[in-house]
C-alpha atoms as a PDB file:
ATOM      1  CA  MET A   1       0.021   0.086   0.169  1.00  0.00           C
ATOM      2  CA  GLU A   2       0.879   3.653  -0.845  1.00  0.00           C
ATOM      3  CA  ALA A   3       2.539   5.581   2.411  1.00  0.00           C
ATOM      4  CA  GLU A   4       0.209   8.200   3.784  1.00  0.00           C
ATOM      5  CA  PRO A   5       1.201  11.800   3.278  1.00  0.00           C
ATOM      6  CA  VAL A   6       3.904  13.231   5.513  1.00  0.00           C
ATOM      7  CA  THR A   7       1.678  15.646   7.955  1.00  0.00           C
ATOM      8  CA  PRO A   8       3.121  18.026  10.588  1.00  0.00           C
ATOM      9  CA  ARG A   9      -0.170  17.197  12.776  1.00  0.00           C
ATOM     10  CA  PRO A  10      -1.169  13.634  13.830  1.00  0.00           C
ATOM     11  CA  PRO A  11      -3.435  12.251  10.732  1.00  0.00           C
ATOM     12  CA  ARG A  12      -5.658   9.932  13.075  1.00  0.00           C
ATOM     13  CA  ASP A  13      -6.577   9.565  16.540  1.00  0.00           C
ATOM     14  CA  VAL A  14      -4.800   7.538  18.698  1.00  0.00           C
ATOM     15  CA  GLY A  15      -8.164   6.305  20.699  1.00  0.00           C
ATOM     16  CA  ARG A  16      -7.862   5.619  24.537  1.00  0.00           C
ATOM     17  CA  LEU A  17      -5.177   7.262  26.319  1.00  0.00           C
ATOM     18  CA  VAL A  18      -2.997   4.494  27.242  1.00  0.00           C
ATOM     19  CA  PHE A  19       0.179   6.513  28.609  1.00  0.00           C
ATOM     20  CA  ARG A  20       1.809  10.003  28.113  1.00  0.00           C
ATOM     21  CA  GLN A  21       5.122  11.552  27.800  1.00  0.00           C
ATOM     22  CA  ASN A  22       6.744  15.045  27.969  1.00  0.00           C
ATOM     23  CA  TRP A  23      10.002  14.864  25.497  1.00  0.00           C
ATOM     24  CA  ALA A  24      11.816  18.025  26.228  1.00  0.00           C
ATOM     25  CA  ASP A  25      15.692  19.547  24.918  1.00  0.00           C
ATOM     26  CA  LEU A  26      15.540  17.074  21.722  1.00  0.00           C
ATOM     27  CA  THR A  27      18.513  16.834  19.331  1.00  0.00           C
ATOM     28  CA  PHE A  28      17.879  15.341  15.884  1.00  0.00           C
ATOM     29  CA  LEU A  29      21.172  14.191  14.263  1.00  0.00           C
ATOM     30  CA  HIS A  30      20.294  12.235  11.112  1.00  0.00           C
ATOM     31  CA  TRP A  31      22.468  10.701   8.211  1.00  0.00           C
ATOM     32  CA  ALA A  32      20.629   9.823   4.783  1.00  0.00           C
ATOM     33  CA  ILE A  33      21.747   6.384   3.861  1.00  0.00           C
ATOM     34  CA  GLU A  34      20.754   3.757   1.152  1.00  0.00           C
ATOM     35  CA  PRO A  35      17.351   1.771   2.148  1.00  0.00           C
ATOM     36  CA  GLY A  36      18.234  -1.307   0.933  1.00  0.00           C
ATOM     37  CA  ARG A  37      20.761  -1.376   4.199  1.00  0.00           C
ATOM     38  CA  LEU A  38      17.452  -1.680   6.743  1.00  0.00           C
ATOM     39  CA  ARG A  39      15.954  -4.009   4.952  1.00  0.00           C
ATOM     40  CA  LEU A  40      17.130  -7.027   7.301  1.00  0.00           C
ATOM     41  CA  ARG A  41      17.066  -4.722  10.239  1.00  0.00           C
ATOM     42  CA  LEU A  42      13.406  -4.235  10.096  1.00  0.00           C
ATOM     43  CA  PRO A  43      10.671  -6.131  11.578  1.00  0.00           C
ATOM     44  CA  PRO A  44       7.673  -8.030   9.690  1.00  0.00           C
ATOM     45  CA  GLY A  45       5.298  -6.026   7.493  1.00  0.00           C
ATOM     46  CA  VAL A  46       7.474  -3.062   7.390  1.00  0.00           C
ATOM     47  CA  ARG A  47       9.441  -1.538   4.633  1.00  0.00           C
ATOM     48  CA  PRO A  48      12.180   1.561   4.791  1.00  0.00           C
ATOM     49  CA  ASP A  49      10.577   4.824   4.436  1.00  0.00           C
ATOM     50  CA  VAL A  50      12.245   6.942   1.545  1.00  0.00           C
ATOM     51  CA  ILE A  51      12.598  10.812   0.554  1.00  0.00           C
ATOM     52  CA  ASP A  52      14.337  11.993  -2.581  1.00  0.00           C
ATOM     53  CA  GLY A  53      15.393   8.278  -2.655  1.00  0.00           C
ATOM     54  CA  VAL A  54      17.220   7.759   0.667  1.00  0.00           C
ATOM     55  CA  THR A  55      16.273   7.115   4.166  1.00  0.00           C
ATOM     56  CA  TYR A  56      17.559   7.920   7.172  1.00  0.00           C
ATOM     57  CA  VAL A  57      19.421   6.873  10.625  1.00  0.00           C
ATOM     58  CA  GLY A  58      18.756   9.067  13.274  1.00  0.00           C
ATOM     59  CA  LEU A  59      20.683  10.112  16.521  1.00  0.00           C
ATOM     60  CA  VAL A  60      18.430  11.862  19.307  1.00  0.00           C
ATOM     61  CA  PRO A  61      19.213  12.498  22.748  1.00  0.00           C
ATOM     62  CA  PHE A  62      16.605  14.325  24.932  1.00  0.00           C
ATOM     63  CA  ARG A  63      15.088  14.451  28.453  1.00  0.00           C
ATOM     64  CA  MET A  64      12.138  12.273  28.970  1.00  0.00           C
ATOM     65  CA  ARG A  65       9.787  14.068  31.345  1.00  0.00           C
ATOM     66  CA  ASP A  66       6.691  13.113  33.431  1.00  0.00           C
ATOM     67  CA  VAL A  67       5.971   9.385  32.234  1.00  0.00           C
ATOM     68  CA  GLY A  68       2.229   8.608  33.262  1.00  0.00           C
ATOM     69  CA  ALA A  69      -0.126   6.038  32.825  1.00  0.00           C
ATOM     70  CA  GLY A  70      -3.574   6.870  31.651  1.00  0.00           C
ATOM     71  CA  LEU A  71      -5.354  10.164  32.961  1.00  0.00           C
ATOM     72  CA  GLY A  72      -3.626   9.441  36.095  1.00  0.00           C
ATOM     73  CA  PRO A  73      -0.462  11.543  37.737  1.00  0.00           C
ATOM     74  CA  ALA A  74       2.834  11.365  36.726  1.00  0.00           C
ATOM     75  CA  LEU A  75       5.364   8.443  37.928  1.00  0.00           C
ATOM     76  CA  PRO A  76       7.809  10.401  40.686  1.00  0.00           C
ATOM     77  CA  TYR A  77      11.144   9.982  40.088  1.00  0.00           C
ATOM     78  CA  PHE A  78      11.125   7.053  37.505  1.00  0.00           C
ATOM     79  CA  GLY A  79       8.581   8.847  35.117  1.00  0.00           C
ATOM     80  CA  SER A  80      11.579  11.826  34.340  1.00  0.00           C
ATOM     81  CA  PHE A  81      15.175  10.540  32.712  1.00  0.00           C
ATOM     82  CA  LEU A  82      17.567  11.229  30.218  1.00  0.00           C
ATOM     83  CA  GLU A  83      17.427   8.893  26.423  1.00  0.00           C
ATOM     84  CA  THR A  84      19.367   8.832  23.475  1.00  0.00           C
ATOM     85  CA  ASN A  85      17.742   6.611  20.807  1.00  0.00           C
ATOM     86  CA  VAL A  86      19.028   5.206  17.286  1.00  0.00           C
ATOM     87  CA  ARG A  87      16.139   5.155  15.157  1.00  0.00           C
ATOM     88  CA  LEU A  88      15.029   4.269  11.666  1.00  0.00           C
ATOM     89  CA  TYR A  89      11.705   5.578   9.620  1.00  0.00           C
ATOM     90  CA  THR A  90       9.352   2.743   8.375  1.00  0.00           C
ATOM     91  CA  VAL A  91       5.894   2.273   6.544  1.00  0.00           C
ATOM     92  CA  ASP A  92       3.744  -0.666   7.352  1.00  0.00           C
ATOM     93  CA  GLU A  93       1.153  -2.517   5.148  1.00  0.00           C
ATOM     94  CA  GLN A  94      -1.532  -0.157   6.080  1.00  0.00           C
ATOM     95  CA  GLY A  95       0.594   2.782   4.437  1.00  0.00           C
ATOM     96  CA  ARG A  96       1.176   3.926   8.364  1.00  0.00           C
ATOM     97  CA  ARG A  97       4.737   6.117   8.619  1.00  0.00           C
ATOM     98  CA  GLY A  98       6.482   5.090  11.459  1.00  0.00           C
ATOM     99  CA  VAL A  99       9.801   4.880  13.294  1.00  0.00           C
ATOM    100  CA  VAL A 100      12.037   1.809  14.289  1.00  0.00           C
ATOM    101  CA  PHE A 101      14.231   1.655  17.185  1.00  0.00           C
ATOM    102  CA  ILE A 102      17.726  -0.214  17.154  1.00  0.00           C
ATOM    103  CA  SER A 103      18.758   1.340  20.724  1.00  0.00           C
ATOM    104  CA  LEU A 104      17.157   3.609  23.389  1.00  0.00           C
ATOM    105  CA  ASP A 105      19.508   4.268  26.173  1.00  0.00           C
ATOM    106  CA  ALA A 106      17.940   5.558  29.540  1.00  0.00           C
ATOM    107  CA  SER A 107      19.501   6.625  32.520  1.00  0.00           C
ATOM    108  CA  ARG A 108      17.066   5.172  35.031  1.00  0.00           C
ATOM    109  CA  LEU A 109      17.086   1.106  35.301  1.00  0.00           C
ATOM    110  CA  ALA A 110      13.572   0.524  36.247  1.00  0.00           C
ATOM    111  CA  PRO A 111      11.947   1.638  33.040  1.00  0.00           C
ATOM    112  CA  VAL A 112      14.578   0.075  31.041  1.00  0.00           C
ATOM    113  CA  LEU A 113      13.534  -3.227  32.688  1.00  0.00           C
ATOM    114  CA  ALA A 114       9.775  -2.496  32.174  1.00  0.00           C
ATOM    115  CA  ALA A 115       9.731  -1.686  28.817  1.00  0.00           C
ATOM    116  CA  ARG A 116      12.126  -4.405  28.188  1.00  0.00           C
ATOM    117  CA  TRP A 117       9.513  -7.202  29.722  1.00  0.00           C
ATOM    118  CA  GLY A 118       6.412  -5.632  28.493  1.00  0.00           C
ATOM    119  CA  PRO A 119       6.390  -4.524  24.673  1.00  0.00           C
ATOM    120  CA  GLY A 120       9.734  -5.370  24.007  1.00  0.00           C
ATOM    121  CA  LEU A 121      11.461  -2.604  23.461  1.00  0.00           C
ATOM    122  CA  PRO A 122      15.191  -2.244  23.007  1.00  0.00           C
ATOM    123  CA  TYR A 123      15.933  -0.076  26.115  1.00  0.00           C
ATOM    124  CA  LEU A 124      19.463  -0.416  27.518  1.00  0.00           C
ATOM    125  CA  TRP A 125      20.356   1.270  31.208  1.00  0.00           C
ATOM    126  CA  SER A 126      23.092   3.965  30.663  1.00  0.00           C
ATOM    127  CA  LYS A 127      25.047   6.764  32.535  1.00  0.00           C
ATOM    128  CA  MET A 128      23.781   9.723  30.958  1.00  0.00           C
ATOM    129  CA  THR A 129      23.846  13.922  31.724  1.00  0.00           C
ATOM    130  CA  TYR A 130      22.611  17.006  30.085  1.00  0.00           C
ATOM    131  CA  HIS A 131      23.758  20.311  30.406  1.00  0.00           C
ATOM    132  CA  ARG A 132      22.796  23.857  28.779  1.00  0.00           C
ATOM    133  CA  THR A 133      24.638  26.867  28.985  1.00  0.00           C
ATOM    134  CA  GLY A 134      23.339  29.751  27.021  1.00  0.00           C
ATOM    135  CA  ASP A 135      22.788  28.344  23.341  1.00  0.00           C
ATOM    136  CA  LEU A 136      25.433  25.614  23.737  1.00  0.00           C
ATOM    137  CA  VAL A 137      23.540  21.995  24.666  1.00  0.00           C
ATOM    138  CA  ALA A 138      25.510  19.125  25.716  1.00  0.00           C
ATOM    139  CA  TYR A 139      24.610  15.536  26.433  1.00  0.00           C
ATOM    140  CA  SER A 140      26.706  12.266  27.124  1.00  0.00           C
ATOM    141  CA  CYS A 141      25.941   8.792  27.589  1.00  0.00           C
ATOM    142  CA  ARG A 142      28.117   5.772  28.543  1.00  0.00           C
ATOM    143  CA  ARG A 143      26.193   2.363  28.557  1.00  0.00           C
ATOM    144  CA  ARG A 144      26.111   0.159  31.197  1.00  0.00           C
ATOM    145  CA  TRP A 145      23.751  -2.896  30.681  1.00  0.00           C
ATOM    146  CA  PRO A 146      22.943  -5.097  28.729  1.00  0.00           C
ATOM    147  CA  GLY A 147      25.716  -3.987  26.301  1.00  0.00           C
ATOM    148  CA  PRO A 148      28.033  -3.429  24.642  1.00  0.00           C
ATOM    149  CA  ARG A 149      29.208  -2.252  28.007  1.00  0.00           C
ATOM    150  CA  GLY A 150      31.178   1.270  28.138  1.00  0.00           C
ATOM    151  CA  ALA A 151      29.899   2.586  24.440  1.00  0.00           C
ATOM    152  CA  ARG A 152      29.811   6.265  24.836  1.00  0.00           C
ATOM    153  CA  SER A 153      28.396   9.006  23.065  1.00  0.00           C
ATOM    154  CA  ARG A 154      29.182  12.605  23.853  1.00  0.00           C
ATOM    155  CA  ILE A 155      27.400  15.130  21.614  1.00  0.00           C
ATOM    156  CA  ALA A 156      27.378  18.931  22.164  1.00  0.00           C
ATOM    157  CA  VAL A 157      25.149  21.271  19.672  1.00  0.00           C
ATOM    158  CA  ARG A 158      24.926  25.025  19.490  1.00  0.00           C
ATOM    159  CA  VAL A 159      21.256  26.103  18.932  1.00  0.00           C
ATOM    160  CA  GLY A 160      20.039  28.716  16.583  1.00  0.00           C
ATOM    161  CA  ALA A 161      17.035  30.396  15.148  1.00  0.00           C
ATOM    162  CA  ARG A 162      13.467  28.897  15.069  1.00  0.00           C
ATOM    163  CA  VAL A 163      13.342  27.358  11.710  1.00  0.00           C
ATOM    164  CA  GLU A 164      10.099  26.875   9.509  1.00  0.00           C
ATOM    165  CA  ALA A 165       9.972  23.110   8.891  1.00  0.00           C
ATOM    166  CA  GLY A 166       9.852  22.190   4.972  1.00  0.00           C
ATOM    167  CA  PRO A 167       9.299  18.079   3.659  1.00  0.00           C
ATOM    168  CA  LEU A 168      12.733  16.887   4.803  1.00  0.00           C
ATOM    169  CA  GLU A 169      12.102  18.311   8.536  1.00  0.00           C
ATOM    170  CA  HIS A 170       8.656  16.846   8.564  1.00  0.00           C
ATOM    171  CA  PHE A 171       9.927  13.327   7.329  1.00  0.00           C
ATOM    172  CA  LEU A 172      12.688  13.245  10.038  1.00  0.00           C
ATOM    173  CA  THR A 173      10.239  14.452  13.232  1.00  0.00           C
ATOM    174  CA  ALA A 174       6.545  14.302  12.373  1.00  0.00           C
ATOM    175  CA  ARG A 175       6.179  10.473  12.983  1.00  0.00           C
ATOM    176  CA  TRP A 176       3.147   9.554  14.638  1.00  0.00           C
ATOM    177  CA  GLY A 177       3.644   6.002  15.686  1.00  0.00           C
ATOM    178  CA  LEU A 178       6.298   3.190  16.174  1.00  0.00           C
ATOM    179  CA  HIS A 179       6.639  -0.379  14.625  1.00  0.00           C
ATOM    180  CA  LEU A 180       7.792  -3.104  16.795  1.00  0.00           C
ATOM    181  CA  PRO A 181       7.759  -6.731  17.046  1.00  0.00           C
ATOM    182  CA  ALA A 182       5.889  -8.469  19.544  1.00  0.00           C
ATOM    183  CA  GLY A 183       7.498  -8.586  23.042  1.00  0.00           C
ATOM    184  CA  PRO A 184       8.278 -10.949  25.345  1.00  0.00           C
ATOM    185  CA  VAL A 185       4.622 -11.033  27.121  1.00  0.00           C
ATOM    186  CA  ASP A 186       2.711 -11.068  24.046  1.00  0.00           C
ATOM    187  CA  ARG A 187       4.928 -14.200  22.803  1.00  0.00           C
ATOM    188  CA  MET A 188       3.818 -16.009  26.422  1.00  0.00           C
ATOM    189  CA  ARG A 189       0.365 -15.369  26.147  1.00  0.00           C
ATOM    190  CA  ALA A 190      -0.452 -15.920  22.303  1.00  0.00           C
ATOM    191  CA  GLY A 191       3.018 -17.213  20.861  1.00  0.00           C
ATOM    192  CA  SER A 192       2.833 -14.244  18.589  1.00  0.00           C
ATOM    193  CA  ASN A 193       5.337 -13.110  16.203  1.00  0.00           C
ATOM    194  CA  ARG A 194       3.097 -10.131  14.556  1.00  0.00           C
ATOM    195  CA  THR A 195       4.282  -6.594  14.146  1.00  0.00           C
ATOM    196  CA  TYR A 196       2.625  -3.979  16.058  1.00  0.00           C
ATOM    197  CA  TYR A 197       1.947  -0.022  15.639  1.00  0.00           C
ATOM    198  CA  TRP A 198       1.955   2.113  18.580  1.00  0.00           C
ATOM    199  CA  PRO A 199       0.565   5.483  17.433  1.00  0.00           C
ATOM    200  CA  ASN A 200       1.094   8.884  19.063  1.00  0.00           C
ATOM    201  CA  SER A 201      -0.187  12.286  18.839  1.00  0.00           C
ATOM    202  CA  HIS A 202       1.444  15.727  19.888  1.00  0.00           C
ATOM    203  CA  GLU A 203       1.588  19.282  18.802  1.00  0.00           C
ATOM    204  CA  PRO A 204       3.247  20.112  15.900  1.00  0.00           C
ATOM    205  CA  TRP A 205       7.215  20.363  16.748  1.00  0.00           C
ATOM    206  CA  PRO A 206       8.847  23.738  17.285  1.00  0.00           C
ATOM    207  CA  LEU A 207      12.267  23.288  15.546  1.00  0.00           C
ATOM    208  CA  HIS A 208      15.760  25.207  15.246  1.00  0.00           C
ATOM    209  CA  ILE A 209      18.438  24.977  13.211  1.00  0.00           C
ATOM    210  CA  ALA A 210      21.849  24.002  15.205  1.00  0.00           C
ATOM    211  CA  THR A 211      25.211  23.408  14.677  1.00  0.00           C
ATOM    212  CA  VAL A 212      27.438  20.436  15.744  1.00  0.00           C
ATOM    213  CA  GLU A 213      30.247  21.461  18.294  1.00  0.00           C
ATOM    214  CA  ARG A 214      31.066  17.823  19.210  1.00  0.00           C
ATOM    215  CA  LEU A 215      30.054  14.775  18.129  1.00  0.00           C
ATOM    216  CA  ASP A 216      31.872  11.666  19.463  1.00  0.00           C
ATOM    217  CA  ASP A 217      29.943   8.611  19.183  1.00  0.00           C
ATOM    218  CA  GLU A 218      29.784   4.633  19.691  1.00  0.00           C
ATOM    219  CA  LEU A 219      26.083   4.232  20.014  1.00  0.00           C
ATOM    220  CA  LEU A 220      25.699   4.176  16.255  1.00  0.00           C
ATOM    221  CA  ALA A 221      28.488   1.899  15.818  1.00  0.00           C
ATOM    222  CA  ALA A 222      26.917  -0.448  18.292  1.00  0.00           C
ATOM    223  CA  ALA A 223      23.827  -0.229  16.465  1.00  0.00           C
ATOM    224  CA  GLY A 224      25.500  -1.323  13.151  1.00  0.00           C
ATOM    225  CA  PHE A 225      26.265   1.945  11.656  1.00  0.00           C
ATOM    226  CA  GLY A 226      29.935   3.018  12.837  1.00  0.00           C
ATOM    227  CA  ASP A 227      30.222   4.456   9.254  1.00  0.00           C
ATOM    228  CA  LEU A 228      27.983   7.329   9.426  1.00  0.00           C
ATOM    229  CA  THR A 229      30.218   9.145  12.442  1.00  0.00           C
ATOM    230  CA  ALA A 230      32.976   9.119   9.595  1.00  0.00           C
ATOM    231  CA  ARG A 231      30.949  12.048   8.005  1.00  0.00           C
ATOM    232  CA  PRO A 232      28.978  15.218   9.189  1.00  0.00           C
ATOM    233  CA  PRO A 233      25.008  14.498   9.640  1.00  0.00           C
ATOM    234  CA  ASP A 234      23.086  15.650   6.880  1.00  0.00           C
ATOM    235  CA  SER A 235      20.556  17.370   9.369  1.00  0.00           C
ATOM    236  CA  VAL A 236      20.928  18.858  12.874  1.00  0.00           C
ATOM    237  CA  LEU A 237      17.564  20.219  14.293  1.00  0.00           C
ATOM    238  CA  PHE A 238      17.041  21.296  17.823  1.00  0.00           C
ATOM    239  CA  SER A 239      13.545  21.703  19.586  1.00  0.00           C
ATOM    240  CA  PRO A 240      12.594  22.395  23.280  1.00  0.00           C
ATOM    241  CA  GLY A 241      10.079  19.295  23.151  1.00  0.00           C
ATOM    242  CA  VAL A 242       6.363  18.402  23.152  1.00  0.00           C
ATOM    243  CA  ARG A 243       3.760  16.625  25.192  1.00  0.00           C
ATOM    244  CA  ALA A 244       2.968  13.414  23.736  1.00  0.00           C
ATOM    245  CA  ILE A 245       0.124  10.676  24.379  1.00  0.00           C
ATOM    246  CA  PHE A 246       0.105   7.526  23.206  1.00  0.00           C
ATOM    247  CA  GLY A 247      -3.042   5.100  22.405  1.00  0.00           C
ATOM    248  CA  PRO A 248      -3.244   1.191  22.344  1.00  0.00           C
ATOM    249  CA  ARG A 249      -1.184  -0.923  19.723  1.00  0.00           C
ATOM    250  CA  LEU A 250      -2.563  -1.977  16.584  1.00  0.00           C
ATOM    251  CA  PRO A 251      -1.284  -5.006  14.681  1.00  0.00           C
ATOM    252  CA  ALA A 252       0.979  -3.762  11.771  1.00  0.00           C
ATOM    253  CA  HIS A 253       1.482  -7.392  10.052  1.00  0.00           C
ATOM    254  CA  GLY A 254       0.261 -10.909  10.961  1.00  0.00           C
END
């Protein structure tokens, strides 16, 4: 099926509210690659999403804030942490655009264990820092568990002026769901190997141009894309953040 249009606002209602979270102080670093490199990295029923003949690998550090279930209060302590993810861009058999996460490093162990055991997201526990001084934003990450232990990332960017998003900026940031294979709980319950689509919704991204001051990263190499750091990113953006909500998971395949 043809992919749905890229839109700055969610193209659908997520349905019943399952959980919510705030994404703050994000830097989006992206490298263009050939789509064929991703075909063996994706779950069943999804394909690489493409713009102008290429797809992208993203490295995205940020602050996760105020994670909460349903309409209840945000989780104290465990609901706020630092995160850095390596992500790919995908389309499922129903034409829905989304994200596939190769890795998600987080600074709190409890959400890492919960995400790995429940939906099966590839979270990893890492020691992480975030600092901002004026327009200079810096992140660091050193992986603890499960590995490769010691894999590091040090990123610093200088935030510039607000930018009006164009087709590429929307393609890289306005992703209204994630594609993920069945997690451990799914397989225990029904032996399911299906792929799921997990829809989200939020206001349009406020985006700023940014320039790289430092990029010393091993997370891309741990994810199988070590060659990318030999060249500068093709796109660098910063956002102060958005508040996001997620609905129930839906079948994407099988």
